[in-house]
Amino acid sequence: MQSLRKTLLLVTLLASAPVSALEYAAVDAAKSNLSFVYKQMGVPVDGSFKKFAVQLRFDPAKPQTGNASIELDLASIDAGSPDANDEVASKLWFNTKTFPKATFTSSEIKALGGNRYEIRGKMNIKGKTLDASAPFTFSNGVADGAFVLKRGDYAIGEGMWADYGTVANEIQIKFRFTAVPGK
């Protein structure tokens, strides 16, 4: 009987102990993606980036202590065809010879309720750094989010491509990052 009481007491104590959330410390690039949708002459066109690196420290129970940074290889773009890929790498678009990378560095992650969060920070594209934010959900180690980037803010598509009637100014960026727990 005494042994049963001790066992029940131990189970009760363990069940009531605070549970610490799992901290995530990396992203599995092979199970992650970074894509975009833009409109060309009013028609949606899908694309993606094949090479990117994400540095991450995130605990869903303490999002305010987390941080993230992303480095994107702009030449890894898949805009739908080899001709489109060559064009967007050109000086009028991403100018990948001068600006091979785009970066994002977080300054804040905050909880929005449930498994929803918002990340804020600085995005640098073509040498121009601006504030950026994105809402995302985080569940079972997967961060899913999207935000709108205005290409004109970063001089993406200059000269004859500056007309938003041909290629829309608003580009929807979508991400799905599969996080890996820290040790």
N, C-alpha and C. Protein backbone atom coordinates (compact mmCIF):
# COMPACT_ATOMS: atom_id res chain seq x y z
N MET A 1 0.83 -1.19 0.00
CA MET A 1 0.00 0.00 0.00
C MET A 1 0.87 1.25 0.00
N GLN A 2 1.91 1.26 0.84
CA GLN A 2 2.83 2.40 0.92
C GLN A 2 3.50 2.61 -0.43
N SER A 3 3.88 1.55 -1.10
CA SER A 3 4.52 1.63 -2.41
C SER A 3 3.57 2.23 -3.44
N LEU A 4 2.29 1.85 -3.36
CA LEU A 4 1.29 2.40 -4.28
C LEU A 4 1.14 3.90 -4.06
N ARG A 5 1.10 4.34 -2.81
CA ARG A 5 0.98 5.78 -2.50
C ARG A 5 2.18 6.55 -3.05
N LYS A 6 3.38 5.99 -2.86
CA LYS A 6 4.57 6.66 -3.35
C LYS A 6 4.53 6.76 -4.88
N THR A 7 4.11 5.71 -5.53
CA THR A 7 4.01 5.71 -6.99
C THR A 7 3.00 6.75 -7.46
N LEU A 8 1.83 6.79 -6.81
CA LEU A 8 0.81 7.78 -7.19
C LEU A 8 1.30 9.21 -6.94
N LEU A 9 1.99 9.41 -5.83
CA LEU A 9 2.54 10.73 -5.53
C LEU A 9 3.56 11.14 -6.59
N LEU A 10 4.44 10.23 -6.99
CA LEU A 10 5.44 10.50 -8.00
C LEU A 10 4.78 10.83 -9.34
N VAL A 11 3.79 10.05 -9.73
CA VAL A 11 3.06 10.29 -10.99
C VAL A 11 2.39 11.66 -10.95
N THR A 12 1.76 12.01 -9.82
CA THR A 12 1.10 13.30 -9.68
C THR A 12 2.11 14.44 -9.78
N LEU A 13 3.25 14.31 -9.13
CA LEU A 13 4.28 15.34 -9.20
C LEU A 13 4.82 15.51 -10.62
N LEU A 14 5.07 14.41 -11.29
CA LEU A 14 5.57 14.48 -12.65
C LEU A 14 4.54 15.09 -13.60
N ALA A 15 3.29 14.75 -13.41
CA ALA A 15 2.23 15.27 -14.28
C ALA A 15 2.02 16.76 -14.08
N SER A 16 2.28 17.26 -12.88
CA SER A 16 2.06 18.67 -12.62
C SER A 16 3.31 19.52 -12.84
N ALA A 17 4.45 18.91 -13.10
CA ALA A 17 5.69 19.66 -13.33
C ALA A 17 5.57 20.43 -14.64
N PRO A 18 6.15 21.64 -14.70
CA PRO A 18 6.09 22.39 -15.93
C PRO A 18 6.82 21.66 -17.05
N VAL A 19 6.24 21.68 -18.22
CA VAL A 19 6.82 21.02 -19.38
C VAL A 19 7.51 22.09 -20.21
N SER A 20 8.77 21.91 -20.48
CA SER A 20 9.45 22.89 -21.30
C SER A 20 9.25 22.52 -22.76
N ALA A 21 9.05 23.55 -23.56
CA ALA A 21 8.85 23.32 -24.99
C ALA A 21 10.19 22.98 -25.62
N LEU A 22 10.12 22.41 -26.76
CA LEU A 22 11.30 22.01 -27.49
C LEU A 22 11.87 23.21 -28.23
N GLU A 23 13.16 23.44 -28.10
CA GLU A 23 13.79 24.52 -28.85
C GLU A 23 14.33 23.95 -30.16
N TYR A 24 14.06 24.67 -31.23
CA TYR A 24 14.51 24.29 -32.56
C TYR A 24 15.75 25.11 -32.89
N ALA A 25 16.75 24.45 -33.49
CA ALA A 25 18.03 25.11 -33.68
C ALA A 25 18.55 25.06 -35.11
N ALA A 26 17.81 24.48 -36.03
CA ALA A 26 18.26 24.40 -37.42
C ALA A 26 17.05 24.15 -38.32
N VAL A 27 17.29 24.25 -39.61
CA VAL A 27 16.25 23.98 -40.60
C VAL A 27 16.78 22.93 -41.58
N ASP A 28 15.96 21.95 -41.87
CA ASP A 28 16.29 20.92 -42.84
C ASP A 28 15.94 21.45 -44.23
N ALA A 29 16.93 21.93 -44.97
CA ALA A 29 16.70 22.56 -46.27
C ALA A 29 16.06 21.59 -47.27
N ALA A 30 16.38 20.31 -47.17
CA ALA A 30 15.82 19.33 -48.10
C ALA A 30 14.31 19.16 -47.92
N LYS A 31 13.80 19.49 -46.73
CA LYS A 31 12.37 19.36 -46.45
C LYS A 31 11.69 20.73 -46.37
N SER A 32 12.36 21.75 -46.87
CA SER A 32 11.85 23.12 -46.79
C SER A 32 11.75 23.71 -48.19
N ASN A 33 10.97 24.79 -48.33
CA ASN A 33 10.92 25.46 -49.62
C ASN A 33 10.62 26.95 -49.44
N LEU A 34 11.04 27.70 -50.45
CA LEU A 34 10.85 29.13 -50.51
C LEU A 34 10.37 29.43 -51.92
N SER A 35 9.12 29.86 -52.05
CA SER A 35 8.53 30.05 -53.36
C SER A 35 7.88 31.42 -53.47
N PHE A 36 7.39 31.73 -54.65
CA PHE A 36 6.74 33.02 -54.87
C PHE A 36 5.71 32.89 -55.99
N VAL A 37 4.77 33.85 -55.99
CA VAL A 37 3.77 33.96 -57.05
C VAL A 37 3.70 35.43 -57.43
N TYR A 38 3.80 35.69 -58.72
CA TYR A 38 3.64 37.05 -59.21
C TYR A 38 2.68 37.01 -60.40
N LYS A 39 2.20 38.17 -60.80
CA LYS A 39 1.32 38.24 -61.96
C LYS A 39 2.04 38.94 -63.10
N GLN A 40 2.03 38.26 -64.24
CA GLN A 40 2.58 38.83 -65.47
C GLN A 40 1.42 38.99 -66.43
N MET A 41 1.15 40.23 -66.78
CA MET A 41 -0.01 40.58 -67.63
C MET A 41 -1.29 39.98 -67.05
N GLY A 42 -1.41 40.04 -65.73
CA GLY A 42 -2.60 39.59 -65.04
C GLY A 42 -2.70 38.10 -64.79
N VAL A 43 -1.73 37.34 -65.25
CA VAL A 43 -1.76 35.88 -65.11
C VAL A 43 -0.78 35.45 -64.00
N PRO A 44 -1.25 34.69 -63.00
CA PRO A 44 -0.34 34.25 -61.94
C PRO A 44 0.75 33.31 -62.47
N VAL A 45 1.97 33.53 -62.02
CA VAL A 45 3.11 32.71 -62.40
C VAL A 45 3.81 32.28 -61.10
N ASP A 46 4.09 30.98 -60.99
CA ASP A 46 4.76 30.44 -59.81
C ASP A 46 6.26 30.33 -60.05
N GLY A 47 7.01 30.47 -58.98
CA GLY A 47 8.45 30.30 -59.05
C GLY A 47 8.98 29.88 -57.70
N SER A 48 10.28 29.61 -57.64
CA SER A 48 10.89 29.22 -56.37
C SER A 48 12.39 29.52 -56.39
N PHE A 49 12.98 29.41 -55.22
CA PHE A 49 14.43 29.51 -55.08
C PHE A 49 14.91 28.16 -54.59
N LYS A 50 15.96 27.66 -55.21
CA LYS A 50 16.46 26.32 -54.90
C LYS A 50 17.53 26.29 -53.81
N LYS A 51 18.23 27.43 -53.61
CA LYS A 51 19.31 27.44 -52.62
C LYS A 51 19.09 28.57 -51.62
N PHE A 52 18.99 28.18 -50.37
CA PHE A 52 18.87 29.14 -49.28
C PHE A 52 19.35 28.47 -48.01
N ALA A 53 19.80 29.29 -47.08
CA ALA A 53 20.25 28.78 -45.78
C ALA A 53 19.50 29.54 -44.70
N VAL A 54 19.01 28.82 -43.71
CA VAL A 54 18.27 29.42 -42.60
C VAL A 54 18.98 29.08 -41.31
N GLN A 55 19.27 30.09 -40.53
CA GLN A 55 19.80 29.92 -39.17
C GLN A 55 18.61 30.19 -38.24
N LEU A 56 18.43 29.35 -37.25
CA LEU A 56 17.22 29.44 -36.44
C LEU A 56 17.50 29.08 -34.99
N ARG A 57 16.85 29.79 -34.10
CA ARG A 57 16.73 29.41 -32.69
C ARG A 57 15.32 29.80 -32.30
N PHE A 58 14.47 28.83 -32.03
CA PHE A 58 13.06 29.11 -31.78
C PHE A 58 12.47 28.12 -30.81
N ASP A 59 11.85 28.64 -29.76
CA ASP A 59 11.13 27.85 -28.78
C ASP A 59 9.69 28.38 -28.80
N PRO A 60 8.72 27.60 -29.27
CA PRO A 60 7.34 28.08 -29.34
C PRO A 60 6.78 28.59 -28.02
N ALA A 61 7.31 28.11 -26.90
CA ALA A 61 6.85 28.56 -25.59
C ALA A 61 7.46 29.91 -25.20
N LYS A 62 8.58 30.27 -25.85
CA LYS A 62 9.26 31.54 -25.56
C LYS A 62 9.71 32.18 -26.87
N PRO A 63 8.77 32.53 -27.75
CA PRO A 63 9.17 33.04 -29.06
C PRO A 63 10.00 34.31 -29.00
N GLN A 64 9.79 35.13 -27.97
CA GLN A 64 10.51 36.39 -27.85
C GLN A 64 12.02 36.20 -27.68
N THR A 65 12.45 35.01 -27.31
CA THR A 65 13.87 34.74 -27.15
C THR A 65 14.50 34.19 -28.43
N GLY A 66 13.69 33.97 -29.45
CA GLY A 66 14.18 33.35 -30.68
C GLY A 66 14.76 34.35 -31.66
N ASN A 67 15.38 33.80 -32.68
CA ASN A 67 15.87 34.60 -33.79
C ASN A 67 16.02 33.73 -35.02
N ALA A 68 16.08 34.39 -36.16
CA ALA A 68 16.24 33.67 -37.42
C ALA A 68 16.94 34.57 -38.42
N SER A 69 17.67 33.95 -39.32
CA SER A 69 18.24 34.68 -40.45
C SER A 69 18.19 33.77 -41.67
N ILE A 70 18.03 34.41 -42.81
CA ILE A 70 17.93 33.68 -44.06
C ILE A 70 18.90 34.31 -45.06
N GLU A 71 19.64 33.47 -45.74
CA GLU A 71 20.49 33.92 -46.84
C GLU A 71 20.03 33.19 -48.08
N LEU A 72 19.64 33.95 -49.08
CA LEU A 72 19.04 33.40 -50.30
C LEU A 72 19.97 33.60 -51.47
N ASP A 73 20.29 32.54 -52.18
CA ASP A 73 21.10 32.60 -53.40
C ASP A 73 20.17 33.01 -54.54
N LEU A 74 20.26 34.28 -54.96
CA LEU A 74 19.32 34.80 -55.98
C LEU A 74 19.48 34.11 -57.32
N ALA A 75 20.67 33.62 -57.65
CA ALA A 75 20.87 32.93 -58.92
C ALA A 75 20.21 31.55 -58.95
N SER A 76 19.72 31.08 -57.81
CA SER A 76 19.07 29.77 -57.76
C SER A 76 17.59 29.86 -58.11
N ILE A 77 17.16 30.99 -58.64
CA ILE A 77 15.75 31.19 -58.95
C ILE A 77 15.27 30.26 -60.06
N ASP A 78 14.06 29.79 -59.91
CA ASP A 78 13.36 29.07 -60.98
C ASP A 78 12.10 29.88 -61.25
N ALA A 79 12.15 30.71 -62.29
CA ALA A 79 11.03 31.57 -62.64
C ALA A 79 10.16 30.95 -63.73
N GLY A 80 10.34 29.69 -64.01
CA GLY A 80 9.45 28.99 -64.94
C GLY A 80 10.08 28.53 -66.23
N SER A 81 11.20 29.16 -66.64
CA SER A 81 11.87 28.74 -67.87
C SER A 81 13.31 29.24 -67.83
N PRO A 82 14.20 28.62 -68.61
CA PRO A 82 15.59 29.10 -68.63
C PRO A 82 15.70 30.58 -69.08
N ASP A 83 14.88 30.99 -70.04
CA ASP A 83 14.91 32.39 -70.49
C ASP A 83 14.49 33.33 -69.37
N ALA A 84 13.44 32.97 -68.65
CA ALA A 84 12.97 33.80 -67.52
C ALA A 84 14.03 33.84 -66.42
N ASN A 85 14.67 32.71 -66.15
CA ASN A 85 15.72 32.66 -65.13
C ASN A 85 16.88 33.58 -65.49
N ASP A 86 17.29 33.57 -66.77
CA ASP A 86 18.37 34.44 -67.23
C ASP A 86 17.96 35.91 -67.12
N GLU A 87 16.73 36.21 -67.48
CA GLU A 87 16.26 37.60 -67.45
C GLU A 87 16.23 38.14 -66.02
N VAL A 88 15.69 37.39 -65.07
CA VAL A 88 15.60 37.91 -63.70
C VAL A 88 16.96 37.98 -63.00
N ALA A 89 17.96 37.28 -63.52
CA ALA A 89 19.32 37.39 -62.99
C ALA A 89 20.02 38.64 -63.53
N SER A 90 19.48 39.24 -64.58
CA SER A 90 20.12 40.37 -65.25
C SER A 90 20.13 41.63 -64.38
N LYS A 91 20.88 42.63 -64.86
CA LYS A 91 21.05 43.88 -64.13
C LYS A 91 19.72 44.58 -63.86
N LEU A 92 18.75 44.46 -64.75
CA LEU A 92 17.47 45.14 -64.56
C LEU A 92 16.61 44.50 -63.47
N TRP A 93 16.88 43.26 -63.14
CA TRP A 93 16.08 42.58 -62.13
C TRP A 93 16.89 42.42 -60.84
N PHE A 94 17.46 41.24 -60.59
CA PHE A 94 18.21 41.01 -59.35
C PHE A 94 19.68 41.42 -59.44
N ASN A 95 20.21 41.56 -60.65
CA ASN A 95 21.61 41.92 -60.83
C ASN A 95 22.49 41.00 -59.98
N THR A 96 22.38 39.71 -60.24
CA THR A 96 23.04 38.71 -59.38
C THR A 96 24.57 38.75 -59.43
N LYS A 97 25.14 39.35 -60.47
CA LYS A 97 26.61 39.47 -60.50
C LYS A 97 27.08 40.44 -59.42
N THR A 98 26.34 41.51 -59.20
CA THR A 98 26.70 42.49 -58.18
C THR A 98 26.10 42.15 -56.82
N PHE A 99 24.88 41.62 -56.83
CA PHE A 99 24.15 41.30 -55.59
C PHE A 99 23.72 39.83 -55.62
N PRO A 100 24.63 38.91 -55.33
CA PRO A 100 24.30 37.48 -55.45
C PRO A 100 23.35 36.95 -54.38
N LYS A 101 23.25 37.65 -53.25
CA LYS A 101 22.45 37.15 -52.12
C LYS A 101 21.42 38.18 -51.69
N ALA A 102 20.31 37.69 -51.18
CA ALA A 102 19.33 38.50 -50.45
C ALA A 102 19.35 37.93 -49.03
N THR A 103 19.12 38.80 -48.04
CA THR A 103 19.16 38.34 -46.65
C THR A 103 17.99 38.89 -45.85
N PHE A 104 17.64 38.15 -44.81
CA PHE A 104 16.68 38.61 -43.82
C PHE A 104 17.27 38.27 -42.46
N THR A 105 17.24 39.24 -41.54
CA THR A 105 17.69 39.02 -40.17
C THR A 105 16.60 39.49 -39.23
N SER A 106 16.15 38.60 -38.37
CA SER A 106 15.05 38.95 -37.46
C SER A 106 15.50 39.88 -36.36
N SER A 107 14.55 40.68 -35.88
CA SER A 107 14.77 41.52 -34.71
C SER A 107 13.76 41.18 -33.62
N GLU A 108 12.68 40.48 -34.00
CA GLU A 108 11.62 40.15 -33.04
C GLU A 108 10.77 39.00 -33.56
N ILE A 109 10.40 38.12 -32.65
CA ILE A 109 9.39 37.09 -32.94
C ILE A 109 8.37 37.19 -31.82
N LYS A 110 7.11 37.32 -32.18
CA LYS A 110 6.09 37.41 -31.14
C LYS A 110 4.95 36.45 -31.40
N ALA A 111 4.35 36.00 -30.31
CA ALA A 111 3.21 35.10 -30.38
C ALA A 111 1.95 35.89 -30.70
N LEU A 112 1.10 35.32 -31.56
CA LEU A 112 -0.18 35.94 -31.91
C LEU A 112 -1.36 35.16 -31.35
N GLY A 113 -1.07 34.04 -30.70
CA GLY A 113 -2.14 33.18 -30.16
C GLY A 113 -2.23 31.88 -30.92
N GLY A 114 -2.58 30.84 -30.22
CA GLY A 114 -2.62 29.52 -30.85
C GLY A 114 -1.21 29.15 -31.28
N ASN A 115 -1.07 28.65 -32.47
CA ASN A 115 0.27 28.35 -32.99
C ASN A 115 0.67 29.37 -34.07
N ARG A 116 0.17 30.62 -33.92
CA ARG A 116 0.47 31.69 -34.88
C ARG A 116 1.48 32.66 -34.27
N TYR A 117 2.39 33.13 -35.13
CA TYR A 117 3.47 34.01 -34.71
C TYR A 117 3.69 35.06 -35.80
N GLU A 118 4.49 36.07 -35.45
CA GLU A 118 4.93 37.05 -36.43
C GLU A 118 6.41 37.29 -36.22
N ILE A 119 7.13 37.32 -37.32
CA ILE A 119 8.56 37.62 -37.28
C ILE A 119 8.79 38.96 -37.97
N ARG A 120 9.62 39.78 -37.34
CA ARG A 120 9.97 41.10 -37.88
C ARG A 120 11.48 41.20 -37.97
N GLY A 121 11.93 41.99 -38.93
CA GLY A 121 13.37 42.19 -39.06
C GLY A 121 13.70 43.05 -40.26
N LYS A 122 14.92 42.88 -40.75
CA LYS A 122 15.44 43.66 -41.87
C LYS A 122 15.70 42.74 -43.05
N MET A 123 15.21 43.17 -44.23
CA MET A 123 15.45 42.42 -45.46
C MET A 123 16.34 43.27 -46.35
N ASN A 124 17.37 42.63 -46.91
CA ASN A 124 18.28 43.31 -47.82
C ASN A 124 18.24 42.62 -49.17
N ILE A 125 17.88 43.40 -50.19
CA ILE A 125 17.87 42.91 -51.57
C ILE A 125 18.50 44.01 -52.42
N LYS A 126 19.44 43.65 -53.26
CA LYS A 126 20.12 44.59 -54.15
C LYS A 126 20.72 45.77 -53.39
N GLY A 127 21.24 45.51 -52.21
CA GLY A 127 21.90 46.55 -51.44
C GLY A 127 20.98 47.49 -50.70
N LYS A 128 19.68 47.26 -50.77
CA LYS A 128 18.71 48.11 -50.07
C LYS A 128 18.12 47.32 -48.91
N THR A 129 18.18 47.91 -47.70
CA THR A 129 17.67 47.24 -46.49
C THR A 129 16.41 47.95 -46.01
N LEU A 130 15.34 47.18 -45.85
CA LEU A 130 14.06 47.70 -45.39
C LEU A 130 13.49 46.80 -44.29
N ASP A 131 12.57 47.37 -43.50
CA ASP A 131 11.84 46.58 -42.51
C ASP A 131 10.95 45.58 -43.23
N ALA A 132 10.82 44.40 -42.65
CA ALA A 132 9.96 43.35 -43.22
C ALA A 132 9.35 42.56 -42.07
N SER A 133 8.18 42.00 -42.32
CA SER A 133 7.54 41.13 -41.33
C SER A 133 6.72 40.08 -42.06
N ALA A 134 6.50 38.98 -41.36
CA ALA A 134 5.70 37.90 -41.93
C ALA A 134 5.00 37.13 -40.82
N PRO A 135 3.71 36.90 -40.98
CA PRO A 135 3.02 36.00 -40.06
C PRO A 135 3.34 34.56 -40.46
N PHE A 136 3.34 33.67 -39.47
CA PHE A 136 3.54 32.26 -39.78
C PHE A 136 2.88 31.39 -38.72
N THR A 137 2.61 30.17 -39.08
CA THR A 137 2.15 29.19 -38.12
C THR A 137 3.32 28.25 -37.84
N PHE A 138 3.32 27.67 -36.66
CA PHE A 138 4.37 26.72 -36.30
C PHE A 138 3.71 25.54 -35.62
N SER A 139 3.81 24.39 -36.27
CA SER A 139 3.19 23.19 -35.74
C SER A 139 4.03 21.97 -36.11
N ASN A 140 4.29 21.13 -35.15
CA ASN A 140 5.05 19.90 -35.37
C ASN A 140 6.38 20.17 -36.06
N GLY A 141 7.02 21.27 -35.69
CA GLY A 141 8.34 21.59 -36.24
C GLY A 141 8.33 22.24 -37.60
N VAL A 142 7.16 22.61 -38.11
CA VAL A 142 7.07 23.22 -39.44
C VAL A 142 6.54 24.64 -39.35
N ALA A 143 7.29 25.58 -39.91
CA ALA A 143 6.87 26.98 -40.00
C ALA A 143 6.34 27.24 -41.40
N ASP A 144 5.06 27.63 -41.48
CA ASP A 144 4.43 27.97 -42.76
C ASP A 144 4.03 29.43 -42.72
N GLY A 145 4.43 30.20 -43.73
CA GLY A 145 4.07 31.60 -43.75
C GLY A 145 4.09 32.18 -45.14
N ALA A 146 3.63 33.42 -45.22
CA ALA A 146 3.62 34.14 -46.49
C ALA A 146 3.56 35.64 -46.20
N PHE A 147 4.08 36.41 -47.12
CA PHE A 147 3.99 37.86 -47.04
C PHE A 147 4.09 38.43 -48.45
N VAL A 148 3.76 39.69 -48.59
CA VAL A 148 3.83 40.36 -49.89
C VAL A 148 5.05 41.26 -49.91
N LEU A 149 5.85 41.09 -50.94
CA LEU A 149 7.01 41.93 -51.18
C LEU A 149 6.67 42.84 -52.37
N LYS A 150 6.95 44.11 -52.24
CA LYS A 150 6.75 45.05 -53.36
C LYS A 150 8.08 45.21 -54.05
N ARG A 151 8.17 44.69 -55.26
CA ARG A 151 9.44 44.65 -55.98
C ARG A 151 10.00 46.04 -56.22
N GLY A 152 9.13 47.03 -56.40
CA GLY A 152 9.58 48.40 -56.62
C GLY A 152 10.36 48.96 -55.45
N ASP A 153 10.08 48.50 -54.23
CA ASP A 153 10.79 48.97 -53.04
C ASP A 153 12.27 48.62 -53.10
N TYR A 154 12.62 47.57 -53.83
CA TYR A 154 14.00 47.10 -53.92
C TYR A 154 14.58 47.27 -55.32
N ALA A 155 13.90 48.00 -56.19
CA ALA A 155 14.35 48.21 -57.58
C ALA A 155 14.52 46.88 -58.31
N ILE A 156 13.61 45.96 -58.08
CA ILE A 156 13.61 44.68 -58.80
C ILE A 156 12.72 44.87 -60.02
N GLY A 157 13.32 44.86 -61.20
CA GLY A 157 12.59 45.13 -62.43
C GLY A 157 12.65 46.61 -62.78
N GLU A 158 13.80 47.04 -63.27
CA GLU A 158 14.00 48.44 -63.62
C GLU A 158 13.86 48.64 -65.12
N GLY A 159 13.98 49.90 -65.54
CA GLY A 159 13.91 50.21 -66.97
C GLY A 159 12.56 49.83 -67.54
N MET A 160 12.59 49.10 -68.64
CA MET A 160 11.34 48.70 -69.32
C MET A 160 10.47 47.81 -68.43
N TRP A 161 11.05 47.20 -67.38
CA TRP A 161 10.30 46.32 -66.49
C TRP A 161 9.68 47.06 -65.31
N ALA A 162 9.89 48.35 -65.22
CA ALA A 162 9.35 49.13 -64.10
C ALA A 162 7.84 49.32 -64.19
N ASP A 163 7.25 49.04 -65.34
CA ASP A 163 5.80 49.16 -65.55
C ASP A 163 5.10 48.00 -64.84
N TYR A 164 4.28 48.34 -63.85
CA TYR A 164 3.59 47.30 -63.08
C TYR A 164 2.42 46.68 -63.84
N GLY A 165 2.09 47.22 -65.00
CA GLY A 165 1.05 46.61 -65.84
C GLY A 165 1.53 45.33 -66.50
N THR A 166 2.83 45.23 -66.71
CA THR A 166 3.39 44.02 -67.32
C THR A 166 3.66 42.97 -66.25
N VAL A 167 4.44 43.36 -65.25
CA VAL A 167 4.71 42.48 -64.10
C VAL A 167 4.28 43.25 -62.86
N ALA A 168 3.36 42.69 -62.11
CA ALA A 168 2.80 43.35 -60.94
C ALA A 168 3.88 43.71 -59.92
N ASN A 169 3.63 44.77 -59.18
CA ASN A 169 4.55 45.20 -58.13
C ASN A 169 4.53 44.23 -56.95
N GLU A 170 3.39 43.65 -56.65
CA GLU A 170 3.25 42.78 -55.48
C GLU A 170 3.58 41.34 -55.83
N ILE A 171 4.54 40.81 -55.07
CA ILE A 171 4.97 39.42 -55.23
C ILE A 171 4.67 38.71 -53.92
N GLN A 172 3.91 37.63 -53.98
CA GLN A 172 3.63 36.88 -52.77
C GLN A 172 4.76 35.88 -52.54
N ILE A 173 5.40 36.01 -51.40
CA ILE A 173 6.48 35.10 -51.01
C ILE A 173 5.89 34.09 -50.03
N LYS A 174 6.15 32.81 -50.27
CA LYS A 174 5.67 31.75 -49.39
C LYS A 174 6.85 30.94 -48.89
N PHE A 175 6.79 30.54 -47.61
CA PHE A 175 7.87 29.71 -47.08
C PHE A 175 7.30 28.59 -46.25
N ARG A 176 8.03 27.49 -46.29
CA ARG A 176 7.74 26.33 -45.44
C ARG A 176 9.09 25.79 -45.01
N PHE A 177 9.41 26.02 -43.73
CA PHE A 177 10.68 25.60 -43.19
C PHE A 177 10.45 24.50 -42.17
N THR A 178 11.11 23.36 -42.38
CA THR A 178 11.04 22.25 -41.44
C THR A 178 12.20 22.37 -40.46
N ALA A 179 11.85 22.66 -39.22
CA ALA A 179 12.86 22.90 -38.19
C ALA A 179 13.34 21.60 -37.57
N VAL A 180 14.56 21.63 -37.09
CA VAL A 180 15.19 20.48 -36.45
C VAL A 180 15.45 20.85 -34.98
N PRO A 181 15.02 20.00 -34.06
CA PRO A 181 15.25 20.30 -32.64
C PRO A 181 16.73 20.42 -32.31
N GLY A 182 17.03 21.30 -31.36
CA GLY A 182 18.40 21.44 -30.85
C GLY A 182 18.71 20.31 -29.89
N LYS A 183 19.95 20.21 -29.53
CA LYS A 183 20.36 19.12 -28.62
C LYS A 183 20.47 19.62 -27.22
